[in-house]
Protein backbone atom coordinates (compact mmCIF):
# COMPACT_ATOMS: atom_id res chain seq x y z
CA UNK A 1 10.92 48.35 -15.43
CA UNK A 2 8.00 47.69 -17.81
CA UNK A 3 9.89 44.72 -19.33
CA UNK A 4 10.33 43.20 -15.88
CA UNK A 5 6.62 43.70 -15.15
CA UNK A 6 5.68 41.94 -18.39
CA UNK A 7 7.91 39.00 -17.45
CA UNK A 8 6.29 38.73 -14.02
CA UNK A 9 2.79 38.80 -15.54
CA UNK A 10 3.76 36.11 -18.03
CA UNK A 11 5.16 33.94 -15.26
CA UNK A 12 2.00 34.30 -13.19
CA UNK A 13 -0.13 33.37 -16.20
CA UNK A 14 2.00 30.30 -16.86
CA UNK A 15 1.73 29.15 -13.24
CA UNK A 16 -2.03 29.72 -13.32
CA UNK A 17 -2.37 27.63 -16.47
CA UNK A 18 -0.27 24.84 -14.97
CA UNK A 19 -2.45 24.86 -11.88
CA UNK A 20 -5.76 24.79 -13.76
CA UNK A 21 -5.10 22.23 -16.46
CA UNK A 22 -4.31 19.23 -14.22
CA UNK A 23 -7.41 19.98 -12.12
CA UNK A 24 -9.84 19.61 -15.01
CA UNK A 25 -8.13 16.44 -16.25
CA UNK A 26 -8.00 14.90 -12.79
CA UNK A 27 -11.75 15.40 -12.34
CA UNK A 28 -12.60 13.78 -15.66
CA UNK A 29 -10.38 10.74 -15.33
CA UNK A 30 -11.15 7.86 -12.98
CA UNK A 31 -11.09 5.90 -10.88
CA UNK A 32 -12.97 7.80 -8.20
CA UNK A 33 -13.83 7.40 -4.53
CA UNK A 34 -17.56 7.71 -3.90
CA UNK A 35 -18.04 8.71 -0.27
CA UNK A 36 -21.43 8.32 1.34
CA UNK A 37 -22.83 8.81 4.82
CA UNK A 38 -25.54 6.30 3.99
CA UNK A 39 -25.29 2.61 4.83
CA UNK A 40 -23.89 3.08 8.29
CA UNK A 41 -23.91 -0.63 9.10
CA UNK A 42 -20.74 -2.27 7.88
CA UNK A 43 -21.24 -5.56 6.06
CA UNK A 44 -19.69 -8.74 7.31
CA UNK A 45 -16.14 -9.03 5.93
CA UNK A 46 -13.30 -11.40 6.43
CA UNK A 47 -10.31 -10.08 8.30
CA UNK A 48 -8.04 -10.71 5.35
CA UNK A 49 -9.52 -10.08 1.88
CA UNK A 50 -8.81 -12.92 -0.59
CA UNK A 51 -5.77 -12.25 -2.71
CA UNK A 52 -4.27 -9.66 -0.38
CA UNK A 53 -1.27 -11.83 0.54
CA UNK A 54 -0.44 -12.39 -3.14
CA UNK A 55 -0.90 -8.67 -3.79
CA UNK A 56 1.40 -7.80 -0.90
CA UNK A 57 4.09 -10.13 -2.23
CA UNK A 58 3.64 -8.62 -5.71
CA UNK A 59 4.25 -5.14 -4.34
CA UNK A 60 7.40 -6.14 -2.48
CA UNK A 61 10.90 -6.79 -3.87
CA UNK A 62 11.31 -10.26 -5.46
CA UNK A 63 13.80 -11.28 -2.78
CA UNK A 64 11.02 -10.96 -0.20
CA UNK A 65 9.75 -14.49 -0.93
CA UNK A 66 12.97 -16.36 -0.03
CA UNK A 67 13.61 -14.00 2.88
CA UNK A 68 10.16 -14.68 4.27
CA UNK A 69 10.76 -18.43 3.86
CA UNK A 70 13.92 -18.06 5.93
CA UNK A 71 12.03 -16.19 8.65
CA UNK A 72 9.40 -18.91 8.78
CA UNK A 73 12.03 -21.63 8.92
CA UNK A 74 13.62 -19.89 11.90
CA UNK A 75 10.19 -19.55 13.49
CA UNK A 76 9.64 -23.30 13.09
CA UNK A 77 12.96 -24.03 14.78
CA UNK A 78 12.05 -21.70 17.64
CA UNK A 79 8.65 -23.40 18.03
CA UNK A 80 10.29 -26.82 18.21
CA UNK A 81 12.75 -25.60 20.82
CA UNK A 82 9.95 -24.26 22.97
CA UNK A 83 7.97 -27.49 22.61
CA UNK A 84 10.90 -29.79 23.39
CA UNK A 85 13.66 -27.86 25.20
CA UNK A 86 15.23 -31.06 26.53
CA UNK A 87 16.40 -31.89 23.03
CA UNK A 88 18.73 -28.92 23.05
CA UNK A 89 21.70 -28.05 25.19
CA UNK A 90 20.40 -24.73 26.50
CA UNK A 91 22.07 -23.07 29.44
CA UNK A 92 20.46 -20.51 31.71
CA UNK A 93 22.18 -17.74 29.83
CA UNK A 94 20.51 -18.87 26.60
CA UNK A 95 17.09 -19.05 28.24
CA UNK A 96 17.34 -15.73 30.03
CA UNK A 97 18.89 -13.76 27.18
CA UNK A 98 15.78 -13.51 25.04
CA UNK A 99 17.47 -10.85 22.96
CA UNK A 100 16.93 -12.42 19.56
CA UNK A 101 13.72 -11.17 17.93
CA UNK A 102 11.00 -13.72 17.23
CA UNK A 103 11.29 -14.47 13.46
CA UNK A 104 7.54 -14.99 13.21
CA UNK A 105 6.87 -11.56 14.71
CA UNK A 106 9.35 -10.13 12.23
CA UNK A 107 7.53 -11.70 9.31
CA UNK A 108 3.86 -11.69 10.30
CA UNK A 109 1.65 -9.84 10.86
CA UNK A 110 3.75 -6.73 11.46
CA UNK A 111 4.97 -6.37 7.89
CA UNK A 112 3.31 -3.12 6.71
CA UNK A 113 2.75 -4.59 3.26
CA UNK A 114 0.18 -7.06 4.58
CA UNK A 115 -1.93 -4.31 6.13
CA UNK A 116 -1.68 -2.07 3.07
CA UNK A 117 -2.61 -4.85 0.63
CA UNK A 118 -5.59 -5.85 2.76
CA UNK A 119 -6.82 -2.24 2.64
CA UNK A 120 -6.22 -1.96 -1.11
CA UNK A 121 -8.56 -4.92 -1.68
CA UNK A 122 -11.01 -3.86 1.03
CA UNK A 123 -13.53 -2.02 -1.18
CA UNK A 124 -16.18 -1.14 -0.35
CA UNK A 125 -14.68 0.30 2.79
CA UNK A 126 -17.25 0.60 5.58
CA UNK A 127 -17.23 2.23 8.98
CA UNK A 128 -20.00 3.46 11.30
CA UNK A 129 -21.85 6.17 9.37
CA UNK A 130 -19.54 5.99 6.37
CA UNK A 131 -19.21 3.95 3.20
CA UNK A 132 -16.62 4.39 0.45
CA UNK A 133 -16.81 2.75 -2.96
CA UNK A 134 -14.27 2.58 -5.76
CA UNK A 135 -16.08 3.60 -8.96
CA UNK A 136 -15.04 4.24 -12.60
CA UNK A 137 -17.32 7.28 -12.97
CA UNK A 138 -19.26 9.63 -10.72
CA UNK A 139 -22.91 8.88 -11.49
CA UNK A 140 -24.64 10.21 -8.35
CA UNK A 141 -24.39 13.98 -8.19
CA UNK A 142 -25.71 13.98 -4.61
CA UNK A 143 -22.84 11.83 -3.33
CA UNK A 144 -19.36 13.32 -2.85
CA UNK A 145 -17.10 11.79 -5.47
CA UNK A 146 -13.41 12.58 -5.72
CA UNK A 147 -10.64 11.49 -8.08
CA UNK A 148 -8.68 8.67 -6.49
CA UNK A 149 -5.43 10.21 -7.68
CA UNK A 150 -5.32 13.93 -7.16
CA UNK A 151 -2.64 16.18 -5.64
CA UNK A 152 -3.27 17.15 -2.04
CA UNK A 153 -3.94 20.76 -3.05
CA UNK A 154 -6.31 19.74 -5.88
CA UNK A 155 -8.75 17.35 -4.21
CA UNK A 156 -12.12 18.71 -5.25
CA UNK A 157 -15.40 16.87 -5.51
CA UNK A 158 -16.96 16.23 -8.90
CA UNK A 159 -19.33 19.14 -8.30
CA UNK A 160 -16.40 21.51 -7.80
CA UNK A 161 -16.69 21.80 -4.03
CA UNK A 162 -13.57 21.65 -1.93
CA UNK A 163 -12.67 18.67 0.21
CA UNK A 164 -14.84 18.44 3.33
CA UNK A 165 -14.83 16.37 6.50
CA UNK A 166 -16.79 13.50 4.93
CA UNK A 167 -14.35 13.20 2.04
CA UNK A 168 -11.36 13.39 4.36
CA UNK A 169 -12.86 10.58 6.45
CA UNK A 170 -13.44 8.61 3.27
CA UNK A 171 -9.83 8.95 2.17
CA UNK A 172 -8.66 7.96 5.64
CA UNK A 173 -10.85 4.85 5.54
CA UNK A 174 -9.54 3.87 2.09
CA UNK A 175 -6.09 5.03 3.14
CA UNK A 176 -3.91 2.69 1.04
CA UNK A 177 -5.25 3.94 -2.29
CA UNK A 178 -6.66 7.21 -0.96
CA UNK A 179 -3.15 8.47 -0.18
CA UNK A 180 -1.17 6.51 -2.80
CA UNK A 181 1.07 8.24 -5.34
CA UNK A 182 0.84 7.53 -9.06
CA UNK A 183 4.06 8.62 -10.75
CA UNK A 184 4.69 9.09 -14.44
CA UNK A 185 8.23 7.85 -15.08
CA UNK A 186 10.37 8.36 -18.21
CA UNK A 187 11.54 5.05 -19.67
CA UNK A 188 15.20 5.93 -19.14
CA UNK A 189 14.85 6.32 -15.37
CA UNK A 190 12.18 3.71 -14.67
CA UNK A 191 14.49 0.87 -13.56
CA UNK A 192 16.58 3.15 -11.35
CA UNK A 193 13.56 4.75 -9.69
CA UNK A 194 11.97 1.36 -9.05
CA UNK A 195 15.19 0.12 -7.46
CA UNK A 196 15.45 3.21 -5.23
CA UNK A 197 11.82 2.95 -4.12
CA UNK A 198 12.28 -0.74 -3.35
CA UNK A 199 15.37 0.05 -1.28
CA UNK A 200 13.47 2.71 0.67
CA UNK A 201 10.56 0.33 1.14
CA UNK A 202 12.71 -2.09 3.13
CA UNK A 203 13.86 0.43 5.72
CA UNK A 204 12.14 0.08 9.12
CA UNK A 205 11.33 3.80 9.30
CA UNK A 206 10.09 4.00 5.71
CA UNK A 207 6.63 5.37 4.90
CA UNK A 208 6.37 3.14 1.78
CA UNK A 209 4.48 -0.15 2.03
CA UNK A 210 4.10 -1.32 -1.57
CA UNK A 211 5.50 -0.40 -4.99
CA UNK A 212 3.90 -1.58 -8.23
CA UNK A 213 5.29 -1.23 -11.73
CA UNK A 214 2.19 -2.85 -13.30
CA UNK A 215 -1.45 -3.32 -12.27
CA UNK A 216 -1.17 -7.11 -12.39
CA UNK A 217 1.53 -9.76 -12.37
CA UNK A 218 2.65 -13.18 -11.16
CA UNK A 219 5.03 -14.38 -8.47
CA UNK A 220 7.78 -16.90 -9.01
CA UNK A 221 5.87 -20.18 -8.72
CA UNK A 222 8.79 -22.26 -7.38
CA UNK A 223 9.67 -19.70 -4.70
CA UNK A 224 6.00 -19.34 -3.76
CA UNK A 225 5.50 -23.10 -3.46
CA UNK A 226 8.52 -23.32 -1.14
CA UNK A 227 7.06 -20.48 0.92
CA UNK A 228 3.67 -22.17 1.11
CA UNK A 229 5.27 -25.44 2.27
CA UNK A 230 7.26 -23.62 4.93
CA UNK A 231 4.13 -21.81 6.04
CA UNK A 232 2.18 -25.03 6.50
CA UNK A 233 4.97 -26.34 8.71
CA UNK A 234 4.77 -23.23 10.89
CA UNK A 235 0.97 -23.44 11.13
CA UNK A 236 1.25 -27.01 12.40
CA UNK A 237 3.20 -25.73 15.45
CA UNK A 238 0.93 -22.75 16.17
CA UNK A 239 -1.70 -22.80 18.91
CA UNK A 240 -5.28 -22.49 17.60
CA UNK A 241 -5.74 -19.02 19.07
CA UNK A 242 -2.48 -17.58 17.76
CA UNK A 243 -2.97 -14.06 16.32
CA UNK A 244 -0.62 -14.97 13.47
CA UNK A 245 -2.71 -17.95 12.36
CA UNK A 246 -5.14 -16.09 10.01
CA UNK A 247 -2.27 -14.46 8.15
CA UNK A 248 -0.32 -17.69 7.87
CA UNK A 249 -3.32 -19.67 6.74
CA UNK A 250 -3.90 -17.08 4.02
CA UNK A 251 -0.24 -17.26 3.05
CA UNK A 252 -0.38 -21.07 2.86
CA UNK A 253 -2.94 -20.87 0.03
CA UNK A 254 -1.64 -17.73 -1.70
CA UNK A 255 -1.79 -17.83 -5.48
CA UNK A 256 0.95 -16.75 -7.84
CA UNK A 257 -1.19 -14.28 -9.80
CA UNK A 258 -2.16 -10.95 -8.28
CA UNK A 259 -4.10 -7.93 -9.56
CA UNK A 260 -4.83 -4.44 -8.32
CA UNK A 261 -8.43 -3.17 -8.36
CA UNK A 262 -7.31 -0.24 -10.54
CA UNK A 263 -5.42 0.13 -13.80
CA UNK A 264 -2.60 2.51 -14.70
CA UNK A 265 -0.43 3.24 -17.70
CA UNK A 266 2.74 1.40 -18.69
CA UNK A 267 4.86 4.50 -17.93
CA UNK A 268 3.50 4.90 -14.39
CA UNK A 269 4.45 3.51 -10.98
CA UNK A 270 2.08 3.17 -8.04
CA UNK A 271 3.49 3.78 -4.54
CA UNK A 272 1.26 2.77 -1.61
CA UNK A 273 1.96 4.23 1.85
CA UNK A 274 2.12 2.41 5.16
CA UNK A 275 -0.76 2.85 7.58
CA UNK A 276 1.52 4.89 9.84
CA UNK A 277 2.13 7.32 6.97
CA UNK A 278 -1.36 8.78 7.39
CA UNK A 279 0.05 10.83 10.23
CA UNK A 280 3.15 11.84 8.26
CA UNK A 281 2.12 12.27 4.63
CA UNK A 282 4.73 14.99 4.17
CA UNK A 283 7.41 12.41 4.97
CA UNK A 284 5.80 10.07 2.42
CA UNK A 285 5.97 12.80 -0.22
CA UNK A 286 9.55 13.66 0.70
CA UNK A 287 10.68 10.04 0.64
CA UNK A 288 9.31 9.59 -2.89
CA UNK A 289 10.76 12.91 -4.01
CA UNK A 290 14.22 11.89 -2.81
CA UNK A 291 14.10 8.92 -5.18
CA UNK A 292 13.64 11.39 -8.07
CA UNK A 293 13.51 10.50 -11.75
CA UNK A 294 9.76 10.95 -12.29
CA UNK A 295 7.29 13.48 -13.60
CA UNK A 296 4.37 14.50 -11.43
CA UNK A 297 1.98 12.26 -13.37
CA UNK A 298 -1.79 12.44 -12.97
CA UNK A 299 -2.05 12.37 -9.22
CA UNK A 300 -0.88 11.40 -5.78
CA UNK A 301 0.19 13.34 -2.75
CA UNK A 302 3.15 15.08 -4.39
């Protein structure tokens, strides 16, 4: 009986050590979110931060570029048909059916990656009564400052206080990085895990918006140039007040090189959630966990 008690005590001590060690490391290592109630007035910002389209494409599977070009080509054909229906032999059944989804609506702006990438590059994030900055260190002791990557049960401020309403609002405002998962992945399972996460990312009901295996990279220049050309053709057929125009105009001038506003190690993967995942973070955690093949790493919602 005494031997069993000793084993239980040892197990409790081990669990306690495992719970305390990551906390101290997470607080010392940046980046951090500095959340302030000062500066209530939000500064003037463009709807789409520069570079966000390139970043979105960098966080999507490589085949996304040619697939998006195909969508845009179909959208151009549909625009021409609407502009000059007499050129096509369309019967009433074809006109009334309307069952085929609009390729442009499929591609833009409803792709979750666009929204997530725009939020990733949106720092400082501002809302009425709230401002959130991405900082390398916590210099102002009076301002709540939390590790960007910290487990959900270990999100403490730099002063040791537990997460409060202001910090929760700050993470919700900077949701793409505030709820992202940074996974430490053994070299032997890295390619498989990346493939599984990419496959999950493409499912309509997925909670995953973007997956990055490096903090910076470059798109295939030939595929991107074809996509830009196709985009310019689509823009030429769009009405001036089209809600898709800002996204397409940004896509038409997208650059091949992209870079995240944070750095991470060569053995880590960054998984960014969709906006809709804010209301279902448990599903986001579960979807990543099902992919398997990673260690907990230094933070994230797992």
